[in-house]
């Protein structure tokens, strides 16, 4: 499988390194756990991947064949489920600083990826599930609506946190970037 990195993800590395090397390693380990969920589910479903591309939203896997809606649902939900595995070991993981970073990074991966906006695991799982009940045009409209509402909520929350606590400027900036990416095409 060919692996590539977008320029945006290369900018993320220095930010995480500036936050501390331990956080960087823990986030990298949490990302590897998340992506291994997708890869293992793909293997279990008999889906092979030709390429993995990393960008600011995570990794994108390119299957060699188009999965069915059922396969797509299980494929995309496996990543967040694997990211939730550390919850089973929370008392052990919260013992050291590194494991605490790993625990919270993994939990953040799961929660963020379950948000129902286009491009996220949650958005893709929602589309795959809705495709059993609605025609593609209706699924597309529902997906656009949930993406709009989710990103509006995320941007509003980050703006409130920025105004109230003076923190999370990057989350506010990231939310605005996501919103622009999806709606100012």
C-alpha atoms as a PDB file:
ATOM      1  CA  UNK A   1       0.000   0.000   0.000  1.00  0.00           C
ATOM      2  CA  UNK A   2       1.300   3.440  -0.967  1.00  0.00           C
ATOM      3  CA  UNK A   3       1.349   6.046   1.846  1.00  0.00           C
ATOM      4  CA  UNK A   4       1.370   9.815   1.228  1.00  0.00           C
ATOM      5  CA  UNK A   5       1.143  13.008   3.327  1.00  0.00           C
ATOM      6  CA  UNK A   6      -0.543  16.296   2.444  1.00  0.00           C
ATOM      7  CA  UNK A   7       1.318  19.559   3.182  1.00  0.00           C
ATOM      8  CA  UNK A   8      -1.256  20.420   5.864  1.00  0.00           C
ATOM      9  CA  UNK A   9      -0.470  17.376   7.967  1.00  0.00           C
ATOM     10  CA  UNK A  10       3.228  18.236   7.801  1.00  0.00           C
ATOM     11  CA  UNK A  11       2.343  21.594   9.417  1.00  0.00           C
ATOM     12  CA  UNK A  12       0.540  19.749  12.214  1.00  0.00           C
ATOM     13  CA  UNK A  13       3.693  17.931  13.336  1.00  0.00           C
ATOM     14  CA  UNK A  14       5.535  21.070  14.554  1.00  0.00           C
ATOM     15  CA  UNK A  15       2.414  22.240  16.426  1.00  0.00           C
ATOM     16  CA  UNK A  16       2.189  18.937  18.298  1.00  0.00           C
ATOM     17  CA  UNK A  17       5.936  18.900  18.907  1.00  0.00           C
ATOM     18  CA  UNK A  18       5.736  22.404  20.394  1.00  0.00           C
ATOM     19  CA  UNK A  19       3.024  21.172  22.751  1.00  0.00           C
ATOM     20  CA  UNK A  20       5.466  18.561  23.995  1.00  0.00           C
ATOM     21  CA  UNK A  21       7.119  15.479  22.617  1.00  0.00           C
ATOM     22  CA  UNK A  22       5.070  13.215  24.875  1.00  0.00           C
ATOM     23  CA  UNK A  23       1.793  14.609  23.527  1.00  0.00           C
ATOM     24  CA  UNK A  24       3.062  14.172  19.972  1.00  0.00           C
ATOM     25  CA  UNK A  25       3.940  10.509  20.541  1.00  0.00           C
ATOM     26  CA  UNK A  26       0.670   9.830  22.362  1.00  0.00           C
ATOM     27  CA  UNK A  27      -1.371  11.440  19.552  1.00  0.00           C
ATOM     28  CA  UNK A  28       0.584   9.460  16.961  1.00  0.00           C
ATOM     29  CA  UNK A  29      -0.084   6.218  18.860  1.00  0.00           C
ATOM     30  CA  UNK A  30      -3.793   7.112  19.194  1.00  0.00           C
ATOM     31  CA  UNK A  31      -3.971   7.813  15.435  1.00  0.00           C
ATOM     32  CA  UNK A  32      -2.287   4.475  14.701  1.00  0.00           C
ATOM     33  CA  UNK A  33      -4.836   2.685  16.913  1.00  0.00           C
ATOM     34  CA  UNK A  34      -7.700   4.445  15.109  1.00  0.00           C
ATOM     35  CA  UNK A  35      -6.414   3.668  11.619  1.00  0.00           C
ATOM     36  CA  UNK A  36      -5.641   0.064  12.546  1.00  0.00           C
ATOM     37  CA  UNK A  37      -9.357  -0.326  13.288  1.00  0.00           C
ATOM     38  CA  UNK A  38     -10.179   0.644   9.702  1.00  0.00           C
ATOM     39  CA  UNK A  39      -7.442  -1.573   8.271  1.00  0.00           C
ATOM     40  CA  UNK A  40      -8.396  -4.619  10.355  1.00  0.00           C
ATOM     41  CA  UNK A  41     -12.084  -4.248   9.483  1.00  0.00           C
ATOM     42  CA  UNK A  42     -11.129  -3.941   5.825  1.00  0.00           C
ATOM     43  CA  UNK A  43      -9.140  -7.144   6.076  1.00  0.00           C
ATOM     44  CA  UNK A  44     -12.028  -8.881   7.850  1.00  0.00           C
ATOM     45  CA  UNK A  45     -14.437  -7.732   5.118  1.00  0.00           C
ATOM     46  CA  UNK A  46     -12.020  -8.793   2.366  1.00  0.00           C
ATOM     47  CA  UNK A  47     -11.365  -5.213   1.219  1.00  0.00           C
ATOM     48  CA  UNK A  48      -7.847  -4.346   0.120  1.00  0.00           C
ATOM     49  CA  UNK A  49      -6.477  -0.803  -0.021  1.00  0.00           C
ATOM     50  CA  UNK A  50      -4.215   0.624  -2.697  1.00  0.00           C
ATOM     51  CA  UNK A  51      -3.282   3.848  -0.894  1.00  0.00           C
ATOM     52  CA  UNK A  52      -3.422   5.676   2.445  1.00  0.00           C
ATOM     53  CA  UNK A  53      -3.259   9.472   2.361  1.00  0.00           C
ATOM     54  CA  UNK A  54      -2.833  11.588   5.498  1.00  0.00           C
ATOM     55  CA  UNK A  55      -4.323  15.096   5.633  1.00  0.00           C
ATOM     56  CA  UNK A  56      -5.551  17.467   8.365  1.00  0.00           C
ATOM     57  CA  UNK A  57      -8.727  15.454   8.889  1.00  0.00           C
ATOM     58  CA  UNK A  58      -6.850  12.188   9.385  1.00  0.00           C
ATOM     59  CA  UNK A  59      -6.151   9.406   6.944  1.00  0.00           C
ATOM     60  CA  UNK A  60      -8.051   8.500   3.828  1.00  0.00           C
ATOM     61  CA  UNK A  61      -7.982   4.902   2.627  1.00  0.00           C
ATOM     62  CA  UNK A  62      -8.518   4.066  -1.029  1.00  0.00           C
ATOM     63  CA  UNK A  63     -10.106   0.616  -1.478  1.00  0.00           C
ATOM     64  CA  UNK A  64      -9.352  -1.424  -4.578  1.00  0.00           C
ATOM     65  CA  UNK A  65     -13.090  -2.029  -4.994  1.00  0.00           C
ATOM     66  CA  UNK A  66     -16.185  -0.052  -4.045  1.00  0.00           C
ATOM     67  CA  UNK A  67     -17.585  -1.375  -0.746  1.00  0.00           C
ATOM     68  CA  UNK A  68     -21.313  -1.986  -0.290  1.00  0.00           C
ATOM     69  CA  UNK A  69     -23.242   0.304   2.060  1.00  0.00           C
ATOM     70  CA  UNK A  70     -23.082  -2.351   4.756  1.00  0.00           C
ATOM     71  CA  UNK A  71     -19.311  -2.771   4.305  1.00  0.00           C
ATOM     72  CA  UNK A  72     -18.829   1.006   4.228  1.00  0.00           C
ATOM     73  CA  UNK A  73     -20.704   1.384   7.522  1.00  0.00           C
ATOM     74  CA  UNK A  74     -18.609  -1.250   9.304  1.00  0.00           C
ATOM     75  CA  UNK A  75     -15.412  -0.007   7.704  1.00  0.00           C
ATOM     76  CA  UNK A  76     -15.845   3.602   8.853  1.00  0.00           C
ATOM     77  CA  UNK A  77     -17.219   2.832  12.312  1.00  0.00           C
ATOM     78  CA  UNK A  78     -14.315   0.500  13.160  1.00  0.00           C
ATOM     79  CA  UNK A  79     -11.844   3.389  13.569  1.00  0.00           C
ATOM     80  CA  UNK A  80     -13.804   5.233  16.274  1.00  0.00           C
ATOM     81  CA  UNK A  81     -14.617   1.933  18.003  1.00  0.00           C
ATOM     82  CA  UNK A  82     -10.912   1.068  18.153  1.00  0.00           C
ATOM     83  CA  UNK A  83     -10.249   4.571  19.487  1.00  0.00           C
ATOM     84  CA  UNK A  84     -12.655   3.805  22.336  1.00  0.00           C
ATOM     85  CA  UNK A  85     -10.747   0.655  23.369  1.00  0.00           C
ATOM     86  CA  UNK A  86      -8.582   2.554  25.891  1.00  0.00           C
ATOM     87  CA  UNK A  87     -11.770   3.266  27.880  1.00  0.00           C
ATOM     88  CA  UNK A  88     -11.671  -0.395  28.926  1.00  0.00           C
ATOM     89  CA  UNK A  89      -8.304   0.186  30.547  1.00  0.00           C
ATOM     90  CA  UNK A  90      -8.901   3.691  31.942  1.00  0.00           C
ATOM     91  CA  UNK A  91      -7.768   2.987  35.534  1.00  0.00           C
ATOM     92  CA  UNK A  92      -4.457   1.582  34.277  1.00  0.00           C
ATOM     93  CA  UNK A  93      -3.935   4.202  31.562  1.00  0.00           C
ATOM     94  CA  UNK A  94      -4.501   7.174  33.848  1.00  0.00           C
ATOM     95  CA  UNK A  95      -1.497   6.168  35.974  1.00  0.00           C
ATOM     96  CA  UNK A  96       1.290   7.870  34.031  1.00  0.00           C
ATOM     97  CA  UNK A  97       1.468  11.156  32.134  1.00  0.00           C
ATOM     98  CA  UNK A  98       2.176   9.513  28.758  1.00  0.00           C
ATOM     99  CA  UNK A  99      -0.670   7.021  29.120  1.00  0.00           C
ATOM    100  CA  UNK A 100      -2.980   9.829  30.205  1.00  0.00           C
ATOM    101  CA  UNK A 101      -2.090  11.747  27.021  1.00  0.00           C
ATOM    102  CA  UNK A 102      -2.689   8.580  24.999  1.00  0.00           C
ATOM    103  CA  UNK A 103      -6.057   7.980  26.705  1.00  0.00           C
ATOM    104  CA  UNK A 104      -7.319  11.520  26.070  1.00  0.00           C
ATOM    105  CA  UNK A 105      -5.904  11.633  22.530  1.00  0.00           C
ATOM    106  CA  UNK A 106      -7.625   8.366  21.686  1.00  0.00           C
ATOM    107  CA  UNK A 107     -10.908   9.540  23.230  1.00  0.00           C
ATOM    108  CA  UNK A 108     -10.635  12.802  21.252  1.00  0.00           C
ATOM    109  CA  UNK A 109     -10.076  10.853  18.020  1.00  0.00           C
ATOM    110  CA  UNK A 110     -13.185   8.776  18.685  1.00  0.00           C
ATOM    111  CA  UNK A 111     -15.452  11.707  19.573  1.00  0.00           C
ATOM    112  CA  UNK A 112     -14.269  13.962  16.754  1.00  0.00           C
ATOM    113  CA  UNK A 113     -14.555  11.186  14.168  1.00  0.00           C
ATOM    114  CA  UNK A 114     -18.087  10.362  15.269  1.00  0.00           C
ATOM    115  CA  UNK A 115     -19.281  13.905  14.481  1.00  0.00           C
ATOM    116  CA  UNK A 116     -21.692  13.656  11.514  1.00  0.00           C
ATOM    117  CA  UNK A 117     -20.063  15.923   8.929  1.00  0.00           C
ATOM    118  CA  UNK A 118     -18.912  15.028   5.426  1.00  0.00           C
ATOM    119  CA  UNK A 119     -15.492  13.492   5.340  1.00  0.00           C
ATOM    120  CA  UNK A 120     -15.562  12.242   8.925  1.00  0.00           C
ATOM    121  CA  UNK A 121     -16.192   8.648   9.924  1.00  0.00           C
ATOM    122  CA  UNK A 122     -19.454   9.699  11.557  1.00  0.00           C
ATOM    123  CA  UNK A 123     -20.647  11.460   8.408  1.00  0.00           C
ATOM    124  CA  UNK A 124     -19.754   8.499   6.220  1.00  0.00           C
ATOM    125  CA  UNK A 125     -21.423   6.051   8.635  1.00  0.00           C
ATOM    126  CA  UNK A 126     -24.558   8.220   8.652  1.00  0.00           C
ATOM    127  CA  UNK A 127     -24.658   8.263   4.834  1.00  0.00           C
ATOM    128  CA  UNK A 128     -24.108   4.502   4.626  1.00  0.00           C
ATOM    129  CA  UNK A 129     -26.890   3.842   7.159  1.00  0.00           C
ATOM    130  CA  UNK A 130     -29.323   6.291   5.511  1.00  0.00           C
ATOM    131  CA  UNK A 131     -28.652   4.726   2.102  1.00  0.00           C
ATOM    132  CA  UNK A 132     -30.647   1.683   3.204  1.00  0.00           C
ATOM    133  CA  UNK A 133     -33.770   3.831   3.602  1.00  0.00           C
ATOM    134  CA  UNK A 134     -33.501   6.850   1.295  1.00  0.00           C
ATOM    135  CA  UNK A 135     -32.515   7.560  -2.328  1.00  0.00           C
ATOM    136  CA  UNK A 136     -29.058   9.096  -2.929  1.00  0.00           C
ATOM    137  CA  UNK A 137     -30.414  12.641  -3.454  1.00  0.00           C
ATOM    138  CA  UNK A 138     -32.165  12.588  -0.059  1.00  0.00           C
ATOM    139  CA  UNK A 139     -29.070  11.164   1.643  1.00  0.00           C
ATOM    140  CA  UNK A 140     -27.008  13.964   0.099  1.00  0.00           C
ATOM    141  CA  UNK A 141     -29.425  16.643   1.390  1.00  0.00           C
ATOM    142  CA  UNK A 142     -29.496  15.103   4.885  1.00  0.00           C
ATOM    143  CA  UNK A 143     -25.705  14.865   4.866  1.00  0.00           C
ATOM    144  CA  UNK A 144     -25.381  18.518   3.840  1.00  0.00           C
ATOM    145  CA  UNK A 145     -27.776  19.555   6.626  1.00  0.00           C
ATOM    146  CA  UNK A 146     -26.036  17.557   9.343  1.00  0.00           C
ATOM    147  CA  UNK A 147     -22.652  18.825   8.129  1.00  0.00           C
ATOM    148  CA  UNK A 148     -23.850  22.419   8.286  1.00  0.00           C
ATOM    149  CA  UNK A 149     -25.357  22.035  11.765  1.00  0.00           C
ATOM    150  CA  UNK A 150     -22.392  20.103  13.161  1.00  0.00           C
ATOM    151  CA  UNK A 151     -19.816  22.577  11.883  1.00  0.00           C
ATOM    152  CA  UNK A 152     -21.921  25.542  13.003  1.00  0.00           C
ATOM    153  CA  UNK A 153     -22.103  23.999  16.490  1.00  0.00           C
ATOM    154  CA  UNK A 154     -18.358  23.286  16.529  1.00  0.00           C
ATOM    155  CA  UNK A 155     -17.524  26.817  15.378  1.00  0.00           C
ATOM    156  CA  UNK A 156     -19.946  28.376  17.895  1.00  0.00           C
ATOM    157  CA  UNK A 157     -18.598  26.256  20.735  1.00  0.00           C
ATOM    158  CA  UNK A 158     -14.997  27.117  19.888  1.00  0.00           C
ATOM    159  CA  UNK A 159     -15.900  30.814  19.576  1.00  0.00           C
ATOM    160  CA  UNK A 160     -17.586  30.775  22.989  1.00  0.00           C
ATOM    161  CA  UNK A 161     -14.580  29.024  24.530  1.00  0.00           C
ATOM    162  CA  UNK A 162     -12.272  31.561  22.925  1.00  0.00           C
ATOM    163  CA  UNK A 163     -14.300  34.513  24.235  1.00  0.00           C
ATOM    164  CA  UNK A 164     -14.981  33.039  27.670  1.00  0.00           C
ATOM    165  CA  UNK A 165     -11.643  31.418  28.490  1.00  0.00           C
ATOM    166  CA  UNK A 166      -9.257  32.985  25.983  1.00  0.00           C
ATOM    167  CA  UNK A 167      -8.297  29.518  24.776  1.00  0.00           C
ATOM    168  CA  UNK A 168      -8.834  27.252  21.787  1.00  0.00           C
ATOM    169  CA  UNK A 169      -7.998  29.720  19.051  1.00  0.00           C
ATOM    170  CA  UNK A 170      -6.767  26.776  16.963  1.00  0.00           C
ATOM    171  CA  UNK A 171     -10.096  24.974  17.400  1.00  0.00           C
ATOM    172  CA  UNK A 172     -11.911  28.132  16.289  1.00  0.00           C
ATOM    173  CA  UNK A 173      -9.598  28.461  13.291  1.00  0.00           C
ATOM    174  CA  UNK A 174      -9.944  24.754  12.459  1.00  0.00           C
ATOM    175  CA  UNK A 175     -13.762  24.974  12.667  1.00  0.00           C
ATOM    176  CA  UNK A 176     -13.802  27.987  10.370  1.00  0.00           C
ATOM    177  CA  UNK A 177     -11.520  26.158   7.918  1.00  0.00           C
ATOM    178  CA  UNK A 178     -13.804  23.096   7.935  1.00  0.00           C
ATOM    179  CA  UNK A 179     -16.863  25.255   7.415  1.00  0.00           C
ATOM    180  CA  UNK A 180     -15.216  27.089   4.494  1.00  0.00           C
ATOM    181  CA  UNK A 181     -13.955  23.835   2.987  1.00  0.00           C
ATOM    182  CA  UNK A 182     -17.414  22.311   2.835  1.00  0.00           C
ATOM    183  CA  UNK A 183     -19.586  25.311   2.010  1.00  0.00           C
ATOM    184  CA  UNK A 184     -17.524  27.767   0.013  1.00  0.00           C
ATOM    185  CA  UNK A 185     -16.637  25.485  -2.895  1.00  0.00           C
END
